[in-house]
Amino acid sequence: MSRAPMHLRPRSTSPTAKALTALGILVLVLGGAGFGAALWFQNSLDGNIERIGDPFAGIPGRPAPAPSDPSEPDEAVNILVLGSDSRISAGDPSQWEAGAQRTDAIMLVHLPADRQAAQVVSIPRDSWVPIPGHGEAKINAAFSFGGPSLLIQTVEQLTGIHVDHFVVTDFTSFGNMTDALGGVQIRVPQDIGDGKQVFFTAGIHQMAGEEALKYVRQRHGLVNGDFGRVQRQQNWMRAMLAKVNNNRNDVGTMTSFLTAVSRSVAADDGFTITRMRGLYLSARGLATNDVTFMTAPDSGTGRSADGQSIVVLDHARFDPLMASFAADTATAYVAEHAADLNVLPATVR
């Protein structure tokens, strides 16, 4: 049985991460809002994060980081966040088996150098892309073929974006983080069902972890299938971000949340609690409305040559968006082209 080395690094989140919360791991960063009240157990949090080495080592031909601006005290940061069906001891390479893991959520989080906004882009797991050494395949196959390093390489070559940190969590952990906050409010605009049963009734739901998991994993009954699922993941992250912002001064809640987050992720070695705290301090002015969630522009679904159902990326729209991330001009680009991008609407079905 072939095995591929696995290198991952824990990610943390701060207000910066708040935006990252969009990924669920970003939720961890959201926890940054409570850093001020929880610094006393910083070392304990750092010890909870599962470390997976350096996933960037040995990746050839990496894109250059975004150009620095002498007028800004900080630099742009890009975080690749994964929601996997299983984290399995990610820090132990002997536990990695090629083909054993799949990624249900892939998100790129961009924190601009000016720290005035943040952008989160979900890349559909069935997007048909070139995977180094494996030809073309669905993007989530990169993680299955070669772990974090191959997925990072695939994303960097696809987008031209330099990835600074990498974080992975499993969906069960999403539920634990939700429960640590006492649940989140999600508005369902209309009854959702499959014609035989109603899965969610119209109205505002106070969702605990188990119900939130059902919400973000549902595909049946949604007119846009997996695309709707991606929007629900982002909508959940947005709700988490709002809940964290509203409870940032509640020491008990934020301590529980930060503990749940730190126990739920595996990240690169450089994404320490100290690094997360630094991001938080640099971006503590971010509000929920400053974070823009998007889905990678696509041309719909299609079939690969071997008959797989795939998502076809619309490179005429996708490539300029990614170029704005790489150049740290995403805030202005998204504002100017929002009508042409798959921006998360205020209400998600």
Protein backbone atom coordinates (compact mmCIF):
# COMPACT_ATOMS: atom_id res chain seq x y z
CA MET A 1 0.00 0.00 0.00
CA SER A 2 1.63 3.27 -1.10
CA ARG A 3 1.98 6.09 1.35
CA ALA A 4 2.77 9.72 0.79
CA PRO A 5 4.38 11.98 3.37
CA MET A 6 2.02 14.39 4.98
CA HIS A 7 3.01 17.85 6.06
CA LEU A 8 0.43 20.15 7.61
CA ARG A 9 0.46 23.11 9.86
CA PRO A 10 -2.04 24.37 12.32
CA ARG A 11 -3.75 27.51 11.58
CA SER A 12 -5.09 29.97 13.92
CA THR A 13 -7.61 32.59 13.54
CA SER A 14 -8.14 36.07 14.72
CA PRO A 15 -10.41 38.76 13.55
CA THR A 16 -8.40 38.00 10.58
CA ALA A 17 -9.29 34.50 11.10
CA LYS A 18 -12.75 35.61 11.67
CA ALA A 19 -12.92 35.87 8.02
CA LEU A 20 -11.21 32.58 7.95
CA THR A 21 -13.95 31.30 10.05
CA ALA A 22 -15.74 31.04 6.88
CA LEU A 23 -13.94 27.84 6.55
CA GLY A 24 -14.83 26.56 9.85
CA ILE A 25 -11.22 26.64 10.65
CA LEU A 26 -11.55 30.24 10.05
CA VAL A 27 -13.87 29.96 12.93
CA LEU A 28 -10.76 29.28 14.89
CA VAL A 29 -9.43 32.61 13.84
CA LEU A 30 -12.74 34.12 14.78
CA GLY A 31 -11.75 33.01 18.17
CA GLY A 32 -9.15 35.71 17.90
CA ALA A 33 -11.84 38.04 19.17
CA GLY A 34 -11.43 36.38 22.52
CA PHE A 35 -7.65 36.41 22.59
CA GLY A 36 -7.61 39.46 24.81
CA ALA A 37 -9.58 37.60 27.46
CA ALA A 38 -7.82 34.28 27.07
CA LEU A 39 -4.12 35.07 26.82
CA TRP A 40 -3.58 33.43 30.18
CA PHE A 41 -4.00 29.99 28.64
CA GLN A 42 -2.22 30.68 25.36
CA ASN A 43 0.39 27.94 25.83
CA SER A 44 -2.33 25.41 26.56
CA LEU A 45 -4.13 26.33 23.33
CA ASP A 46 -0.95 26.00 21.29
CA GLY A 47 -0.39 22.54 22.71
CA ASN A 48 -3.88 21.46 21.64
CA ILE A 49 -3.27 22.14 17.95
CA GLU A 50 -2.16 19.12 15.98
CA ARG A 51 1.07 19.92 14.17
CA ILE A 52 1.85 18.40 10.84
CA GLY A 53 5.27 19.68 9.99
CA ASP A 54 6.12 21.89 7.05
CA PRO A 55 3.83 21.14 4.08
CA PHE A 56 5.58 23.82 2.00
CA ALA A 57 9.05 22.27 2.08
CA GLY A 58 10.16 20.93 -1.27
CA ILE A 59 7.27 22.31 -3.33
CA PRO A 60 8.87 23.44 -6.61
CA GLY A 61 8.14 26.67 -8.46
CA ARG A 62 6.10 28.36 -5.75
CA PRO A 63 4.51 31.76 -6.54
CA ALA A 64 6.10 34.80 -4.96
CA PRO A 65 4.32 36.36 -1.97
CA ALA A 66 2.14 39.38 -2.63
CA PRO A 67 4.22 42.54 -3.13
CA SER A 68 4.81 44.42 0.09
CA ASP A 69 3.67 48.02 0.52
CA PRO A 70 6.12 50.19 2.49
CA SER A 71 3.18 52.31 3.65
CA GLU A 72 1.53 49.33 5.37
CA PRO A 73 2.88 47.86 8.65
CA ASP A 74 1.66 44.36 7.76
CA GLU A 75 1.81 41.99 4.81
CA ALA A 76 -0.98 40.18 3.01
CA VAL A 77 -1.66 36.66 4.29
CA ASN A 78 -3.27 33.75 2.43
CA ILE A 79 -4.57 30.72 4.29
CA LEU A 80 -5.72 27.48 2.67
CA VAL A 81 -8.42 25.86 4.80
CA LEU A 82 -9.78 22.33 4.35
CA GLY A 83 -12.81 20.60 5.73
CA SER A 84 -12.12 16.88 5.48
CA ASP A 85 -14.23 13.80 6.11
CA SER A 86 -11.53 12.74 8.55
CA ARG A 87 -8.42 14.30 10.10
CA ILE A 88 -7.01 10.88 11.16
CA SER A 89 -3.73 11.70 13.05
CA ALA A 90 -2.63 14.13 10.38
CA GLY A 91 0.59 14.75 12.26
CA ASP A 92 1.72 11.13 11.99
CA PRO A 93 2.91 10.39 8.43
CA SER A 94 2.62 6.66 9.12
CA GLN A 95 -1.15 7.12 9.37
CA TRP A 96 -1.44 8.65 5.90
CA GLU A 97 -2.72 6.36 3.20
CA ALA A 98 -3.00 7.59 -0.36
CA GLY A 99 -6.67 7.72 -1.28
CA ALA A 100 -7.83 7.47 2.33
CA GLN A 101 -8.91 11.09 2.79
CA ARG A 102 -11.19 13.39 0.87
CA THR A 103 -11.84 17.09 1.25
CA ASP A 104 -15.44 18.27 1.30
CA ALA A 105 -14.55 21.96 1.62
CA ILE A 106 -11.61 23.89 0.15
CA MET A 107 -11.32 27.58 0.97
CA LEU A 108 -8.76 30.29 0.33
CA VAL A 109 -8.76 33.09 2.87
CA HIS A 110 -7.09 36.36 1.93
CA LEU A 111 -6.22 38.98 4.53
CA PRO A 112 -5.01 42.15 2.77
CA ALA A 113 -2.03 44.07 4.06
CA ASP A 114 -4.19 47.05 5.02
CA ARG A 115 -6.36 44.80 7.25
CA GLN A 116 -9.50 46.70 6.20
CA ALA A 117 -11.31 43.65 4.77
CA ALA A 118 -10.95 39.94 4.09
CA GLN A 119 -12.01 37.70 1.22
CA VAL A 120 -12.86 33.99 1.32
CA VAL A 121 -13.23 31.91 -1.84
CA SER A 122 -14.55 28.35 -1.85
CA ILE A 123 -13.27 26.12 -4.62
CA PRO A 124 -15.84 23.38 -5.35
CA ARG A 125 -14.40 19.97 -4.55
CA ASP A 126 -15.32 18.62 -8.02
CA SER A 127 -13.48 21.39 -9.90
CA TRP A 128 -11.55 19.81 -12.79
CA VAL A 129 -7.94 20.99 -12.54
CA PRO A 130 -4.36 19.90 -13.34
CA ILE A 131 -2.77 18.02 -10.44
CA PRO A 132 1.06 17.86 -10.60
CA GLY A 133 2.17 14.35 -11.49
CA HIS A 134 -1.39 13.06 -11.94
CA GLY A 135 -2.84 14.84 -14.96
CA GLU A 136 -6.29 16.39 -14.69
CA ALA A 137 -8.66 15.35 -11.92
CA LYS A 138 -11.09 16.73 -9.37
CA ILE A 139 -9.25 19.13 -7.08
CA ASN A 140 -10.11 17.18 -3.93
CA ALA A 141 -8.18 14.22 -5.38
CA ALA A 142 -4.94 16.15 -4.80
CA PHE A 143 -5.31 15.76 -1.04
CA SER A 144 -6.16 12.10 -1.49
CA PHE A 145 -3.18 11.50 -3.81
CA GLY A 146 -0.52 13.29 -1.82
CA GLY A 147 -1.77 15.07 1.26
CA PRO A 148 -1.36 18.74 2.16
CA SER A 149 1.80 19.38 0.11
CA LEU A 150 0.25 18.20 -3.15
CA LEU A 151 -2.95 20.10 -2.52
CA ILE A 152 -1.01 23.29 -1.77
CA GLN A 153 1.04 22.81 -4.93
CA THR A 154 -2.14 22.20 -6.94
CA VAL A 155 -3.85 25.32 -5.58
CA GLU A 156 -0.78 27.51 -6.01
CA GLN A 157 -0.30 26.42 -9.63
CA LEU A 158 -4.01 26.85 -10.36
CA THR A 159 -4.27 30.31 -8.82
CA GLY A 160 -0.81 31.86 -8.83
CA ILE A 161 -1.34 32.65 -5.12
CA HIS A 162 1.37 32.13 -2.52
CA VAL A 163 -0.17 30.13 0.36
CA ASP A 164 1.22 31.18 3.74
CA HIS A 165 -0.60 28.78 6.08
CA PHE A 166 -2.53 25.54 5.85
CA VAL A 167 -5.26 24.26 8.17
CA VAL A 168 -7.45 21.16 8.10
CA THR A 169 -10.37 20.08 10.25
CA ASP A 170 -13.13 17.49 10.06
CA PHE A 171 -16.86 18.14 9.98
CA THR A 172 -17.50 16.70 13.43
CA SER A 173 -15.25 19.43 14.79
CA PHE A 174 -17.48 22.03 13.13
CA GLY A 175 -20.28 20.82 15.36
CA ASN A 176 -18.12 20.98 18.48
CA MET A 177 -17.16 24.58 17.74
CA THR A 178 -20.80 25.49 17.20
CA ASP A 179 -21.79 23.96 20.53
CA ALA A 180 -18.99 25.81 22.31
CA LEU A 181 -20.65 29.07 21.23
CA GLY A 182 -24.06 27.90 22.39
CA GLY A 183 -25.28 27.43 18.81
CA VAL A 184 -25.73 29.92 15.98
CA GLN A 185 -28.72 31.54 14.31
CA ILE A 186 -29.41 30.56 10.70
CA ARG A 187 -32.33 31.95 8.68
CA VAL A 188 -33.98 29.47 6.31
CA PRO A 189 -36.07 31.49 3.80
CA GLN A 190 -38.42 28.65 2.83
CA ASP A 191 -39.18 25.03 3.64
CA ILE A 192 -36.47 22.75 2.30
CA GLY A 193 -37.36 19.16 1.46
CA ASP A 194 -37.31 16.50 -1.21
CA GLY A 195 -41.06 16.32 -1.81
CA LYS A 196 -41.50 13.54 0.73
CA GLN A 197 -40.16 15.14 3.88
CA VAL A 198 -39.19 18.60 5.04
CA PHE A 199 -35.59 18.85 6.23
CA PHE A 200 -35.73 22.47 7.41
CA THR A 201 -38.80 24.64 7.88
CA ALA A 202 -38.83 28.33 6.95
CA GLY A 203 -37.79 30.66 9.75
CA ILE A 204 -34.88 31.52 12.04
CA HIS A 205 -33.28 28.44 13.58
CA GLN A 206 -31.04 28.41 16.63
CA MET A 207 -28.83 25.55 15.49
CA ALA A 208 -26.72 23.49 17.85
CA GLY A 209 -23.83 21.43 16.50
CA GLU A 210 -25.77 18.40 15.27
CA GLU A 211 -28.38 20.44 13.39
CA ALA A 212 -25.71 22.78 11.99
CA LEU A 213 -23.87 19.76 10.61
CA LYS A 214 -27.03 18.58 8.87
CA TYR A 215 -27.48 22.07 7.47
CA VAL A 216 -23.97 22.40 5.99
CA ARG A 217 -23.83 18.83 4.64
CA GLN A 218 -27.27 18.77 3.00
CA ARG A 219 -27.44 18.47 -0.77
CA HIS A 220 -30.85 16.89 -1.44
CA GLY A 221 -33.67 19.35 -1.89
CA LEU A 222 -31.37 22.19 -2.96
CA VAL A 223 -31.97 23.48 -6.46
CA ASN A 224 -28.25 24.11 -6.97
CA GLY A 225 -26.96 20.89 -5.38
CA ASP A 226 -23.31 21.01 -4.31
CA PHE A 227 -23.11 24.72 -5.10
CA GLY A 228 -25.86 25.26 -2.55
CA ARG A 229 -23.92 23.16 -0.09
CA VAL A 230 -20.89 25.40 -0.52
CA GLN A 231 -23.04 28.47 0.15
CA ARG A 232 -24.42 26.85 3.28
CA GLN A 233 -20.89 26.20 4.57
CA GLN A 234 -20.09 29.86 4.03
CA ASN A 235 -23.37 30.97 5.59
CA TRP A 236 -22.59 28.89 8.67
CA MET A 237 -19.14 30.49 8.89
CA ARG A 238 -20.71 33.92 8.61
CA ALA A 239 -23.10 33.07 11.44
CA MET A 240 -20.20 31.83 13.55
CA LEU A 241 -18.30 35.02 12.88
CA ALA A 242 -21.27 37.11 13.98
CA LYS A 243 -21.70 35.03 17.15
CA VAL A 244 -18.03 35.39 18.04
CA ASN A 245 -18.14 39.15 17.49
CA ASN A 246 -21.18 39.43 19.74
CA ASN A 247 -19.53 37.40 22.51
CA ARG A 248 -15.94 38.61 22.31
CA ASN A 249 -16.09 40.01 25.86
CA ASP A 250 -17.65 36.87 27.36
CA VAL A 251 -14.60 35.19 28.88
CA GLY A 252 -16.35 31.88 29.57
CA THR A 253 -17.80 31.51 26.08
CA MET A 254 -14.61 32.55 24.32
CA THR A 255 -12.49 30.25 26.46
CA SER A 256 -14.74 27.32 25.55
CA PHE A 257 -14.70 28.30 21.90
CA LEU A 258 -10.93 28.77 21.65
CA THR A 259 -10.38 25.44 23.40
CA ALA A 260 -12.76 23.66 21.00
CA VAL A 261 -11.07 25.26 18.00
CA SER A 262 -7.56 24.43 19.13
CA ARG A 263 -8.58 20.80 19.64
CA SER A 264 -10.25 20.60 16.25
CA VAL A 265 -7.53 21.53 13.79
CA ALA A 266 -4.26 20.38 12.34
CA ALA A 267 -2.01 23.12 10.98
CA ASP A 268 1.43 23.95 9.70
CA ASP A 269 4.06 24.44 12.36
CA GLY A 270 4.31 28.15 11.64
CA PHE A 271 0.66 28.82 12.40
CA THR A 272 1.14 29.09 16.14
CA ILE A 273 -1.08 30.77 18.70
CA THR A 274 1.47 33.60 18.76
CA ARG A 275 1.12 33.98 14.99
CA MET A 276 -2.67 33.90 15.28
CA ARG A 277 -2.63 36.47 18.02
CA GLY A 278 -0.47 38.71 15.85
CA LEU A 279 -3.00 38.45 13.03
CA TYR A 280 -5.78 39.23 15.46
CA LEU A 281 -4.07 42.33 16.77
CA SER A 282 -3.39 43.58 13.25
CA ALA A 283 -6.99 43.00 12.11
CA ARG A 284 -9.03 43.53 15.23
CA GLY A 285 -11.08 46.23 13.51
CA LEU A 286 -12.69 43.80 11.07
CA ALA A 287 -16.45 43.35 11.35
CA THR A 288 -18.63 40.62 9.88
CA ASN A 289 -19.61 42.85 6.96
CA ASP A 290 -15.95 43.38 6.10
CA VAL A 291 -15.61 39.73 5.09
CA THR A 292 -16.72 38.77 1.58
CA PHE A 293 -17.52 35.12 0.90
CA MET A 294 -17.48 33.85 -2.66
CA THR A 295 -17.54 30.63 -4.68
CA ALA A 296 -14.99 30.26 -7.46
CA PRO A 297 -16.57 31.39 -10.77
CA ASP A 298 -17.70 28.42 -12.82
CA SER A 299 -19.30 27.55 -16.15
CA GLY A 300 -21.53 24.90 -14.64
CA THR A 301 -21.08 21.16 -14.50
CA GLY A 302 -19.86 18.78 -17.18
CA ARG A 303 -18.32 15.38 -17.81
CA SER A 304 -14.67 14.45 -17.88
CA ALA A 305 -13.33 12.24 -20.66
CA ASP A 306 -13.69 9.23 -18.36
CA GLY A 307 -17.31 10.06 -17.49
CA GLN A 308 -16.98 11.77 -14.09
CA SER A 309 -19.37 14.56 -13.14
CA ILE A 310 -17.19 17.67 -12.71
CA VAL A 311 -17.35 21.41 -12.11
CA VAL A 312 -15.91 23.50 -14.93
CA LEU A 313 -14.17 26.63 -13.68
CA ASP A 314 -14.79 29.82 -15.68
CA HIS A 315 -11.20 30.98 -16.12
CA ALA A 316 -12.28 34.23 -17.77
CA ARG A 317 -13.63 35.26 -14.36
CA PHE A 318 -11.64 32.98 -12.04
CA ASP A 319 -8.14 33.94 -13.19
CA PRO A 320 -8.51 37.74 -12.74
CA LEU A 321 -10.01 37.17 -9.28
CA MET A 322 -7.08 34.99 -8.26
CA ALA A 323 -4.65 37.50 -9.75
CA SER A 324 -6.15 40.15 -7.46
CA PHE A 325 -5.49 37.89 -4.47
CA ALA A 326 -1.89 37.38 -5.59
CA ALA A 327 -1.35 41.11 -6.07
CA ASP A 328 -3.23 42.06 -2.87
CA THR A 329 -5.77 44.12 -4.80
CA ALA A 330 -8.74 41.85 -4.05
CA THR A 331 -10.74 44.35 -2.01
CA ALA A 332 -10.96 46.83 -4.88
CA TYR A 333 -11.39 44.10 -7.51
CA VAL A 334 -14.28 42.41 -5.70
CA ALA A 335 -16.03 45.72 -5.09
CA GLU A 336 -15.78 46.59 -8.78
CA HIS A 337 -16.75 43.17 -10.15
CA ALA A 338 -19.15 41.90 -7.48
CA ALA A 339 -21.99 41.54 -10.01
CA ASP A 340 -19.86 39.10 -12.04
CA LEU A 341 -18.70 37.03 -9.08
CA ASN A 342 -20.46 34.34 -7.06
CA VAL A 343 -20.69 36.44 -3.89
CA LEU A 344 -22.61 34.92 -0.97
CA PRO A 345 -26.06 36.56 -0.83
CA ALA A 346 -27.57 37.95 2.36
CA THR A 347 -30.06 35.08 2.48
CA VAL A 348 -29.08 31.51 1.59
CA ARG A 349 -31.63 28.85 0.70
